Amino acid sequence: AKVTADIVRDEKGPKISIIKFKNKTGYRKRQGHRQPLTAVKITSIA
């Protein structure tokens, strides 16, 4: 099958927070991440 599509927009996914913690050492680390996404519109499937 052949699929053709148009790019609608570039966007970012939801914010994910990564937290690392080690007990009794005072080690705390916080990081955020947003995955880049591309919205597409399928125009034809042949």
PDB file of N, CA and C in Angstrom:
ATOM      1  N   ALA A   1       0.845  -1.186   0.000  1.00  0.00           N
ATOM      2  CA  ALA A   1       0.000   0.000   0.000  1.00  0.00           C
ATOM      3  C   ALA A   1       0.886   1.244   0.000  1.00  0.00           C
ATOM      4  N   LYS A   2       0.393   2.284  -0.655  1.00  0.00           N
ATOM      5  CA  LYS A   2       1.103   3.557  -0.683  1.00  0.00           C
ATOM      6  C   LYS A   2       0.252   4.594   0.046  1.00  0.00           C
ATOM      7  N   VAL A   3       0.869   5.237   1.007  1.00  0.00           N
ATOM      8  CA  VAL A   3       0.165   6.226   1.823  1.00  0.00           C
ATOM      9  C   VAL A   3       0.823   7.580   1.621  1.00  0.00           C
ATOM     10  N   THR A   4       0.018   8.598   1.349  1.00  0.00           N
ATOM     11  CA  THR A   4       0.539   9.960   1.286  1.00  0.00           C
ATOM     12  C   THR A   4      -0.086  10.771   2.413  1.00  0.00           C
ATOM     13  N   ALA A   5       0.723  11.655   2.990  1.00  0.00           N
ATOM     14  CA  ALA A   5       0.258  12.430   4.136  1.00  0.00           C
ATOM     15  C   ALA A   5       0.824  13.840   4.074  1.00  0.00           C
ATOM     16  N   ASP A   6       0.125  14.764   4.719  1.00  0.00           N
ATOM     17  CA  ASP A   6       0.583  16.140   4.868  1.00  0.00           C
ATOM     18  C   ASP A   6       0.919  16.389   6.329  1.00  0.00           C
ATOM     19  N   ILE A   7       1.980  17.154   6.556  1.00  0.00           N
ATOM     20  CA  ILE A   7       2.340  17.521   7.925  1.00  0.00           C
ATOM     21  C   ILE A   7       1.431  18.666   8.358  1.00  0.00           C
ATOM     22  N   VAL A   8       0.733  18.473   9.476  1.00  0.00           N
ATOM     23  CA  VAL A   8      -0.193  19.489   9.971  1.00  0.00           C
ATOM     24  C   VAL A   8       0.545  20.475  10.866  1.00  0.00           C
ATOM     25  N   ARG A   9       1.248  19.962  11.881  1.00  0.00           N
ATOM     26  CA  ARG A   9       1.985  20.840  12.794  1.00  0.00           C
ATOM     27  C   ARG A   9       3.001  20.029  13.581  1.00  0.00           C
ATOM     28  N   ASP A  10       4.001  20.734  14.079  1.00  0.00           N
ATOM     29  CA  ASP A  10       4.966  20.166  15.011  1.00  0.00           C
ATOM     30  C   ASP A  10       4.569  20.616  16.405  1.00  0.00           C
ATOM     31  N   GLU A  11       4.589  19.697  17.342  1.00  0.00           N
ATOM     32  CA  GLU A  11       4.188  20.029  18.705  1.00  0.00           C
ATOM     33  C   GLU A  11       5.008  19.224  19.690  1.00  0.00           C
ATOM     34  N   LYS A  12       4.734  19.421  20.962  1.00  0.00           N
ATOM     35  CA  LYS A  12       5.415  18.685  22.020  1.00  0.00           C
ATOM     36  C   LYS A  12       4.400  17.882  22.812  1.00  0.00           C
ATOM     37  N   GLY A  13       4.821  16.732  23.282  1.00  0.00           N
ATOM     38  CA  GLY A  13       3.961  15.894  24.090  1.00  0.00           C
ATOM     39  C   GLY A  13       3.847  16.422  25.511  1.00  0.00           C
ATOM     40  N   PRO A  14       3.186  15.668  26.383  1.00  0.00           N
ATOM     41  CA  PRO A  14       3.029  16.116  27.773  1.00  0.00           C
ATOM     42  C   PRO A  14       4.352  16.108  28.523  1.00  0.00           C
ATOM     43  N   LYS A  15       4.441  16.958  29.527  1.00  0.00           N
ATOM     44  CA  LYS A  15       5.654  17.067  30.340  1.00  0.00           C
ATOM     45  C   LYS A  15       5.768  15.832  31.233  1.00  0.00           C
ATOM     46  N   ILE A  16       6.926  15.186  31.179  1.00  0.00           N
ATOM     47  CA  ILE A  16       7.224  14.034  32.023  1.00  0.00           C
ATOM     48  C   ILE A  16       8.293  14.472  33.005  1.00  0.00           C
ATOM     49  N   SER A  17       8.063  14.229  34.290  1.00  0.00           N
ATOM     50  CA  SER A  17       9.080  14.598  35.275  1.00  0.00           C
ATOM     51  C   SER A  17       9.771  13.340  35.771  1.00  0.00           C
ATOM     52  N   ILE A  18      11.092  13.369  35.753  1.00  0.00           N
ATOM     53  CA  ILE A  18      11.924  12.257  36.204  1.00  0.00           C
ATOM     54  C   ILE A  18      12.551  12.678  37.518  1.00  0.00           C
ATOM     55  N   ILE A  19      12.344  11.889  38.551  1.00  0.00           N
ATOM     56  CA  ILE A  19      12.883  12.200  39.874  1.00  0.00           C
ATOM     57  C   ILE A  19      13.721  11.018  40.338  1.00  0.00           C
ATOM     58  N   LYS A  20      14.974  11.294  40.712  1.00  0.00           N
ATOM     59  CA  LYS A  20      15.850  10.265  41.276  1.00  0.00           C
ATOM     60  C   LYS A  20      16.135  10.636  42.722  1.00  0.00           C
ATOM     61  N   PHE A  21      16.087   9.662  43.591  1.00  0.00           N
ATOM     62  CA  PHE A  21      16.271   9.905  45.021  1.00  0.00           C
ATOM     63  C   PHE A  21      17.013   8.725  45.631  1.00  0.00           C
ATOM     64  N   LYS A  22      18.053   9.012  46.389  1.00  0.00           N
ATOM     65  CA  LYS A  22      18.753   7.969  47.138  1.00  0.00           C
ATOM     66  C   LYS A  22      18.661   8.304  48.615  1.00  0.00           C
ATOM     67  N   ASN A  23      18.279   7.340  49.368  1.00  0.00           N
ATOM     68  CA  ASN A  23      18.031   7.517  50.793  1.00  0.00           C
ATOM     69  C   ASN A  23      19.332   7.771  51.566  1.00  0.00           C
ATOM     70  N   LYS A  24      19.249   8.619  52.571  1.00  0.00           N
ATOM     71  CA  LYS A  24      20.308   8.867  53.560  1.00  0.00           C
ATOM     72  C   LYS A  24      21.544   9.571  53.006  1.00  0.00           C
ATOM     73  N   THR A  25      21.538  10.027  51.764  1.00  0.00           N
ATOM     74  CA  THR A  25      22.736  10.654  51.206  1.00  0.00           C
ATOM     75  C   THR A  25      22.495  12.094  50.778  1.00  0.00           C
ATOM     76  N   GLY A  26      21.254  12.546  50.764  1.00  0.00           N
ATOM     77  CA  GLY A  26      20.946  13.881  50.280  1.00  0.00           C
ATOM     78  C   GLY A  26      20.940  13.985  48.769  1.00  0.00           C
ATOM     79  N   TYR A  27      20.961  12.841  48.072  1.00  0.00           N
ATOM     80  CA  TYR A  27      20.984  12.826  46.608  1.00  0.00           C
ATOM     81  C   TYR A  27      19.556  12.942  46.085  1.00  0.00           C
ATOM     82  N   ARG A  28      19.281  14.061  45.424  1.00  0.00           N
ATOM     83  CA  ARG A  28      17.993  14.266  44.769  1.00  0.00           C
ATOM     84  C   ARG A  28      18.262  14.875  43.403  1.00  0.00           C
ATOM     85  N   LYS A  29      17.597  14.353  42.388  1.00  0.00           N
ATOM     86  CA  LYS A  29      17.798  14.843  41.033  1.00  0.00           C
ATOM     87  C   LYS A  29      16.431  14.946  40.367  1.00  0.00           C
ATOM     88  N   ARG A  30      16.187  16.068  39.717  1.00  0.00           N
ATOM     89  CA  ARG A  30      14.914  16.265  39.041  1.00  0.00           C
ATOM     90  C   ARG A  30      15.179  16.691  37.609  1.00  0.00           C
ATOM     91  N   GLN A  31      14.467  16.085  36.683  1.00  0.00           N
ATOM     92  CA  GLN A  31      14.650  16.379  35.269  1.00  0.00           C
ATOM     93  C   GLN A  31      13.289  16.333  34.591  1.00  0.00           C
ATOM     94  N   GLY A  32      13.092  17.174  33.591  1.00  0.00           N
ATOM     95  CA  GLY A  32      11.856  17.180  32.822  1.00  0.00           C
ATOM     96  C   GLY A  32      12.130  16.798  31.378  1.00  0.00           C
ATOM     97  N   HIS A  33      11.079  16.322  30.701  1.00  0.00           N
ATOM     98  CA  HIS A  33      11.224  15.918  29.302  1.00  0.00           C
ATOM     99  C   HIS A  33       9.892  16.095  28.586  1.00  0.00           C
ATOM    100  N   ARG A  34       9.965  16.644  27.365  1.00  0.00           N
ATOM    101  CA  ARG A  34       8.800  16.707  26.487  1.00  0.00           C
ATOM    102  C   ARG A  34       9.204  16.158  25.126  1.00  0.00           C
ATOM    103  N   GLN A  35       8.550  15.096  24.719  1.00  0.00           N
ATOM    104  CA  GLN A  35       8.867  14.430  23.462  1.00  0.00           C
ATOM    105  C   GLN A  35       8.342  15.257  22.291  1.00  0.00           C
ATOM    106  N   PRO A  36       9.170  15.541  21.280  1.00  0.00           N
ATOM    107  CA  PRO A  36       8.652  16.236  20.098  1.00  0.00           C
ATOM    108  C   PRO A  36       7.773  15.308  19.258  1.00  0.00           C
ATOM    109  N   LEU A  37       6.631  15.823  18.802  1.00  0.00           N
ATOM    110  CA  LEU A  37       5.681  15.047  18.015  1.00  0.00           C
ATOM    111  C   LEU A  37       5.353  15.804  16.733  1.00  0.00           C
ATOM    112  N   THR A  38       4.925  15.069  15.713  1.00  0.00           N
ATOM    113  CA  THR A  38       4.483  15.670  14.462  1.00  0.00           C
ATOM    114  C   THR A  38       3.083  15.160  14.154  1.00  0.00           C
ATOM    115  N   ALA A  39       2.136  16.077  13.992  1.00  0.00           N
ATOM    116  CA  ALA A  39       0.767  15.711  13.623  1.00  0.00           C
ATOM    117  C   ALA A  39       0.693  15.645  12.101  1.00  0.00           C
ATOM    118  N   VAL A  40       0.166  14.541  11.580  1.00  0.00           N
ATOM    119  CA  VAL A  40       0.050  14.363  10.131  1.00  0.00           C
ATOM    120  C   VAL A  40      -1.404  14.091   9.758  1.00  0.00           C
ATOM    121  N   LYS A  41      -1.759  14.453   8.529  1.00  0.00           N
ATOM    122  CA  LYS A  41      -3.088  14.168   7.998  1.00  0.00           C
ATOM    123  C   LYS A  41      -2.920  13.255   6.793  1.00  0.00           C
ATOM    124  N   ILE A  42      -3.549  12.090   6.847  1.00  0.00           N
ATOM    125  CA  ILE A  42      -3.469  11.127   5.752  1.00  0.00           C
ATOM    126  C   ILE A  42      -4.359  11.628   4.615  1.00  0.00           C
ATOM    127  N   THR A  43      -3.767  11.805   3.431  1.00  0.00           N
ATOM    128  CA  THR A  43      -4.539  12.325   2.302  1.00  0.00           C
ATOM    129  C   THR A  43      -5.051  11.211   1.394  1.00  0.00           C
ATOM    130  N   SER A  44      -4.269  10.157   1.203  1.00  0.00           N
ATOM    131  CA  SER A  44      -4.755   9.060   0.365  1.00  0.00           C
ATOM    132  C   SER A  44      -4.023   7.770   0.708  1.00  0.00           C
ATOM    133  N   ILE A  45      -4.755   6.676   0.524  1.00  0.00           N
ATOM    134  CA  ILE A  45      -4.191   5.332   0.683  1.00  0.00           C
ATOM    135  C   ILE A  45      -4.490   4.584  -0.611  1.00  0.00           C
ATOM    136  N   ALA A  46      -3.434   4.155  -1.295  1.00  0.00           N
ATOM    137  CA  ALA A  46      -3.630   3.469  -2.573  1.00  0.00           C
ATOM    138  C   ALA A  46      -3.131   2.039  -2.491  1.00  0.00           C
TER     139      ALA A  46
END
